[in-house]
Amino acid sequence: MLRTGVSSMFLHEFCLNSIFSGILQAGLDTVEFWLETPSFWTTGRNISDLKNVLDEFPSFSPITIHAPTLDLNPISINPEVAAVSVDAVSSAIQTADELRAEVITIHPGRRTAKRPPSRADMHRFAIYMEAVEAASCGLSAAVAIENMEPKINSLLTTPGAIRDVLDEYPHLFFTFDYAHACRGGGDVLEFIRLNSDRIRNVHASYGSSDRVHAPLAGSEKMGELTSLLASSGYDGPVIFEIEDLGLSKMLTYEEKCRLLSLEVDSFWKAWHKGVDLSL
């Protein structure tokens, strides 16, 4: 079922109960809980406490999870950094299962040097994928790898690169990040055309050559995104992933909730308009 949600990091300044209350107040259906959300990550990372708070918001179930990424790189040239990073993702997959999450999003890592990924980097990526497969074996949460913003040392920035990885690793699914795809300036539709059979999660925000992870409401890109999703038959979570530092000013809690409400209202209006036009 198509459901809208938001990354918990958009409300990163607040306690868990306030984060989830704001999401509910804004009219969203679920949350993508980024494990590095400070009120969880820096206070002991107690899974039982997180479960107890989530139990107060049963309509969010099943949630989605985002694995840790800050300071981490599972394909780092430094073996110790790579090992810690792979362990963090493997642990996050277990946490997603404990929380009965629908899907967990992971990042592919990046070349340590500011150069295009090499064969050695792809070898380290293969080792990482083996660890991901081992960690997820027998668990219910789908593991979905995300397309990255097109930087010189990034992996998985093109539709074809995503398809190649999905073909090589049949246990893996795809989190389609719309802003990252738009940032590349290529054919966004190709991401859907090549990979729609494996999409289990969508990150929704505005992306262009000069902005990324901005709100979609009021832009033509909201209609483009809903049209792409509707035409592909997508019916999973759509997670608004907005970077608050990219906004024109710092927002209060109430202002952030209003922004989210505007995003979700705009999404459903664009969605229903597209459906009506197709009839």
Protein backbone atom coordinates (compact mmCIF):
# COMPACT_ATOMS: atom_id res chain seq x y z
CA MET A 1 0.00 0.00 0.00
CA LEU A 2 1.28 3.47 -0.91
CA ARG A 3 2.15 5.33 2.30
CA THR A 4 3.87 8.65 2.94
CA GLY A 5 6.49 9.20 5.61
CA VAL A 6 9.49 11.33 6.49
CA SER A 7 13.02 10.76 7.66
CA SER A 8 13.31 11.18 11.43
CA MET A 9 16.40 13.30 10.80
CA PHE A 10 14.22 16.20 9.61
CA LEU A 11 13.19 16.58 13.26
CA HIS A 12 16.62 15.67 14.62
CA GLU A 13 16.63 18.33 17.34
CA PHE A 14 13.74 16.78 19.24
CA CYS A 15 13.07 13.79 21.47
CA LEU A 16 11.61 10.61 19.98
CA ASN A 17 8.08 11.26 21.20
CA SER A 18 8.09 14.76 19.73
CA ILE A 19 9.47 13.47 16.43
CA PHE A 20 6.77 10.85 16.06
CA SER A 21 4.00 13.17 17.33
CA GLY A 22 4.97 15.80 14.76
CA ILE A 23 4.95 13.26 11.96
CA LEU A 24 1.49 12.08 12.96
CA GLN A 25 0.25 15.66 13.34
CA ALA A 26 1.47 16.47 9.81
CA GLY A 27 -0.74 13.73 8.34
CA LEU A 28 1.99 11.30 7.36
CA ASP A 29 1.49 7.55 7.51
CA THR A 30 4.87 6.33 8.72
CA VAL A 31 8.46 7.21 9.57
CA GLU A 32 11.83 6.27 8.17
CA PHE A 33 13.85 6.00 11.33
CA TRP A 34 17.44 6.98 10.69
CA LEU A 35 19.36 5.12 13.38
CA GLU A 36 21.70 8.09 13.87
CA THR A 37 18.79 10.26 15.05
CA PRO A 38 20.48 11.96 18.04
CA SER A 39 17.78 11.27 20.64
CA PHE A 40 18.35 7.55 20.01
CA TRP A 41 21.96 7.33 18.81
CA THR A 42 23.61 9.50 21.47
CA THR A 43 21.55 8.29 24.45
CA GLY A 44 22.53 4.64 24.64
CA ARG A 45 20.84 3.25 21.49
CA ASN A 46 18.37 1.29 23.60
CA ILE A 47 16.19 -0.75 21.23
CA SER A 48 13.63 -1.55 23.93
CA ASP A 49 13.10 2.15 24.65
CA LEU A 50 12.70 2.86 20.94
CA LYS A 51 10.19 0.02 20.62
CA ASN A 52 8.20 1.37 23.54
CA VAL A 53 7.93 4.82 21.98
CA LEU A 54 7.03 3.37 18.57
CA ASP A 55 4.33 1.26 20.23
CA GLU A 56 2.58 4.53 21.08
CA PHE A 57 2.22 5.15 17.32
CA PRO A 58 0.85 1.86 15.96
CA SER A 59 -0.38 3.44 12.72
CA PHE A 60 3.26 3.88 11.64
CA SER A 61 3.79 0.12 11.46
CA PRO A 62 5.60 -1.14 9.51
CA ILE A 63 8.25 1.56 9.61
CA THR A 64 11.32 1.83 7.41
CA ILE A 65 14.89 2.13 8.70
CA HIS A 66 17.96 3.93 7.39
CA ALA A 67 21.29 2.34 8.30
CA PRO A 68 24.05 4.52 9.78
CA THR A 69 26.24 6.44 7.32
CA LEU A 70 27.88 9.30 9.23
CA ASP A 71 31.70 8.90 9.41
CA LEU A 72 31.32 5.44 7.86
CA ASN A 73 32.48 3.94 4.57
CA PRO A 74 32.13 0.17 4.04
CA ILE A 75 34.51 0.22 1.07
CA SER A 76 37.15 2.46 2.65
CA ILE A 77 40.77 1.87 1.70
CA ASN A 78 41.43 1.81 5.46
CA PRO A 79 40.59 -1.74 6.61
CA GLU A 80 39.62 -0.68 10.12
CA VAL A 81 37.17 1.94 8.83
CA ALA A 82 35.67 -0.56 6.38
CA ALA A 83 35.30 -3.22 9.09
CA VAL A 84 33.56 -0.87 11.53
CA SER A 85 31.28 0.37 8.74
CA VAL A 86 30.28 -3.12 7.57
CA ASP A 87 29.62 -4.15 11.17
CA ALA A 88 27.44 -1.07 11.67
CA VAL A 89 25.31 -1.93 8.64
CA SER A 90 25.06 -5.59 9.64
CA SER A 91 23.95 -4.58 13.13
CA ALA A 92 21.41 -2.15 11.65
CA ILE A 93 19.89 -4.97 9.59
CA GLN A 94 19.37 -6.96 12.79
CA THR A 95 17.82 -3.89 14.43
CA ALA A 96 15.44 -3.46 11.49
CA ASP A 97 14.27 -7.02 11.99
CA GLU A 98 13.80 -6.46 15.74
CA LEU A 99 11.67 -3.40 14.97
CA ARG A 100 9.67 -5.36 12.37
CA ALA A 101 10.62 -2.80 9.73
CA GLU A 102 9.41 -3.24 6.17
CA VAL A 103 12.70 -2.21 4.60
CA ILE A 104 16.13 -0.93 5.60
CA THR A 105 18.03 1.41 3.30
CA ILE A 106 21.80 1.10 3.04
CA HIS A 107 24.42 3.15 1.20
CA PRO A 108 26.98 1.55 -1.13
CA GLY A 109 30.00 3.41 0.20
CA ARG A 110 32.39 5.52 -1.85
CA ARG A 111 35.98 5.57 -3.01
CA THR A 112 38.14 7.11 -0.28
CA ALA A 113 40.08 9.29 -2.74
CA LYS A 114 38.27 11.92 -4.80
CA ARG A 115 38.68 9.78 -7.92
CA PRO A 116 36.34 7.47 -9.88
CA PRO A 117 35.80 4.08 -8.18
CA SER A 118 38.41 1.50 -9.17
CA ARG A 119 38.40 -2.30 -9.45
CA ALA A 120 39.81 -2.45 -5.93
CA ASP A 121 36.87 -0.41 -4.67
CA MET A 122 34.43 -2.74 -6.40
CA HIS A 123 36.21 -5.73 -4.83
CA ARG A 124 35.67 -4.18 -1.40
CA PHE A 125 32.05 -3.53 -2.37
CA ALA A 126 31.64 -7.24 -3.17
CA ILE A 127 32.98 -8.15 0.28
CA TYR A 128 30.51 -5.67 1.79
CA MET A 129 27.62 -7.20 -0.14
CA GLU A 130 28.58 -10.68 1.09
CA ALA A 131 28.38 -9.40 4.67
CA VAL A 132 25.00 -7.78 3.98
CA GLU A 133 23.66 -11.02 2.54
CA ALA A 134 24.89 -13.00 5.55
CA ALA A 135 23.39 -10.49 8.02
CA SER A 136 20.00 -10.44 6.28
CA CYS A 137 19.64 -14.19 5.71
CA GLY A 138 16.36 -15.42 7.14
CA LEU A 139 15.18 -11.97 8.23
CA SER A 140 11.96 -10.32 7.09
CA ALA A 141 13.11 -6.75 6.42
CA ALA A 142 14.05 -6.09 2.79
CA VAL A 143 17.55 -4.63 2.38
CA ALA A 144 17.49 -1.86 -0.23
CA ILE A 145 20.54 -0.10 -1.61
CA GLU A 146 20.22 3.57 -2.55
CA ASN A 147 21.31 5.37 -5.72
CA MET A 148 23.83 8.03 -4.82
CA GLU A 149 24.34 11.67 -5.71
CA PRO A 150 26.66 11.89 -8.75
CA LYS A 151 30.02 12.82 -7.23
CA ILE A 152 33.34 11.75 -8.69
CA ASN A 153 34.00 9.05 -6.06
CA SER A 154 30.40 7.82 -5.68
CA LEU A 155 29.15 4.33 -6.48
CA LEU A 156 25.75 3.55 -8.00
CA THR A 157 24.82 6.89 -9.52
CA THR A 158 23.29 5.64 -12.78
CA PRO A 159 20.30 3.44 -13.65
CA GLY A 160 22.55 0.86 -15.29
CA ALA A 161 24.88 0.62 -12.31
CA ILE A 162 21.91 -0.05 -10.03
CA ARG A 163 20.60 -2.72 -12.41
CA ASP A 164 23.97 -4.45 -12.58
CA VAL A 165 24.16 -4.69 -8.78
CA LEU A 166 20.57 -5.90 -8.46
CA ASP A 167 21.25 -8.60 -11.04
CA GLU A 168 24.43 -9.69 -9.26
CA TYR A 169 22.86 -9.73 -5.79
CA PRO A 170 19.33 -11.18 -5.98
CA HIS A 171 18.78 -10.74 -2.23
CA LEU A 172 19.09 -6.97 -2.63
CA PHE A 173 16.36 -4.40 -3.34
CA PHE A 174 16.43 -0.73 -4.37
CA THR A 175 15.69 2.54 -2.58
CA PHE A 176 15.06 5.07 -5.34
CA ASP A 177 16.26 8.53 -4.30
CA TYR A 178 14.50 10.95 -6.63
CA ALA A 179 16.64 13.99 -5.70
CA HIS A 180 19.87 12.09 -6.33
CA ALA A 181 18.54 10.95 -9.71
CA CYS A 182 17.54 14.51 -10.67
CA ARG A 183 20.89 15.86 -9.52
CA GLY A 184 22.59 13.85 -12.25
CA GLY A 185 20.72 15.66 -15.00
CA GLY A 186 20.05 12.44 -16.91
CA ASP A 187 16.91 10.48 -17.68
CA VAL A 188 15.20 9.96 -14.32
CA LEU A 189 12.63 7.69 -15.95
CA GLU A 190 15.42 5.22 -16.76
CA PHE A 191 15.88 4.50 -13.04
CA ILE A 192 12.25 3.38 -12.93
CA ARG A 193 12.25 1.60 -16.29
CA LEU A 194 15.29 -0.53 -15.50
CA ASN A 195 14.71 -1.18 -11.81
CA SER A 196 10.99 -0.92 -10.96
CA ASP A 197 10.79 -4.65 -10.21
CA ARG A 198 13.12 -4.21 -7.22
CA ILE A 199 12.07 -0.83 -5.80
CA ARG A 200 10.97 -1.22 -2.18
CA ASN A 201 11.37 2.35 -0.96
CA VAL A 202 11.36 5.87 -2.41
CA HIS A 203 13.10 8.96 -1.04
CA ALA A 204 11.18 12.02 -2.18
CA SER A 205 12.65 15.53 -2.32
CA TYR A 206 13.66 18.20 -4.83
CA GLY A 207 16.97 17.84 -6.62
CA SER A 208 18.67 19.92 -9.32
CA SER A 209 22.18 21.01 -10.28
CA ASP A 210 22.25 23.57 -7.47
CA ARG A 211 19.93 22.12 -4.80
CA VAL A 212 19.30 18.74 -3.27
CA HIS A 213 16.85 17.41 -0.66
CA ALA A 214 14.68 20.53 -0.78
CA PRO A 215 10.86 20.43 -0.43
CA LEU A 216 8.89 19.34 -3.49
CA ALA A 217 5.63 21.21 -2.80
CA GLY A 218 5.00 23.98 -5.32
CA SER A 219 7.45 22.62 -7.88
CA GLU A 220 6.82 20.80 -11.16
CA LYS A 221 8.93 17.94 -9.87
CA MET A 222 6.19 16.81 -7.49
CA GLY A 223 3.98 16.01 -10.49
CA GLU A 224 6.87 14.31 -12.28
CA LEU A 225 7.60 12.08 -9.30
CA THR A 226 3.99 11.04 -8.72
CA SER A 227 3.58 10.35 -12.43
CA LEU A 228 6.69 8.15 -12.47
CA LEU A 229 5.53 6.18 -9.44
CA ALA A 230 1.95 5.78 -10.66
CA SER A 231 3.00 4.64 -14.13
CA SER A 232 5.27 1.98 -12.65
CA GLY A 233 2.58 0.65 -10.31
CA TYR A 234 4.65 1.45 -7.22
CA ASP A 235 2.73 0.92 -3.99
CA GLY A 236 5.31 1.10 -1.19
CA PRO A 237 6.56 3.81 1.18
CA VAL A 238 7.33 7.31 -0.11
CA ILE A 239 9.67 8.99 2.37
CA PHE A 240 10.19 12.75 2.29
CA GLU A 241 13.91 13.34 2.89
CA ILE A 242 14.40 17.06 3.45
CA GLU A 243 17.64 18.74 4.53
CA ASP A 244 16.72 21.51 6.96
CA LEU A 245 20.05 23.31 6.46
CA GLY A 246 19.04 23.91 2.85
CA LEU A 247 15.95 25.89 3.82
CA SER A 248 15.87 29.70 3.77
CA LYS A 249 15.83 29.86 7.58
CA MET A 250 15.91 27.60 10.60
CA LEU A 251 12.40 26.39 11.35
CA THR A 252 10.69 25.87 14.67
CA TYR A 253 9.05 22.56 15.53
CA GLU A 254 5.64 23.90 14.51
CA GLU A 255 7.00 25.28 11.23
CA LYS A 256 8.61 21.95 10.38
CA CYS A 257 5.31 20.17 11.01
CA ARG A 258 3.49 22.65 8.75
CA LEU A 259 6.08 22.14 6.01
CA LEU A 260 5.57 18.37 6.21
CA SER A 261 1.80 18.81 6.08
CA LEU A 262 2.19 20.89 2.92
CA GLU A 263 4.44 18.24 1.37
CA VAL A 264 2.02 15.39 2.00
CA ASP A 265 -1.01 17.41 0.85
CA SER A 266 0.82 18.40 -2.33
CA PHE A 267 1.87 14.80 -2.94
CA TRP A 268 -1.66 13.42 -2.72
CA LYS A 269 -3.10 16.21 -4.87
CA ALA A 270 -0.50 15.50 -7.56
CA TRP A 271 -1.07 11.76 -7.22
CA HIS A 272 -4.84 11.96 -7.60
CA LYS A 273 -4.55 14.48 -10.44
CA GLY A 274 -2.31 12.05 -12.31
CA VAL A 275 -4.66 9.15 -11.67
CA ASP A 276 -7.66 11.18 -12.87
CA LEU A 277 -5.86 12.20 -16.06
CA SER A 278 -5.03 8.57 -16.81
CA LEU A 279 -8.67 7.45 -16.63
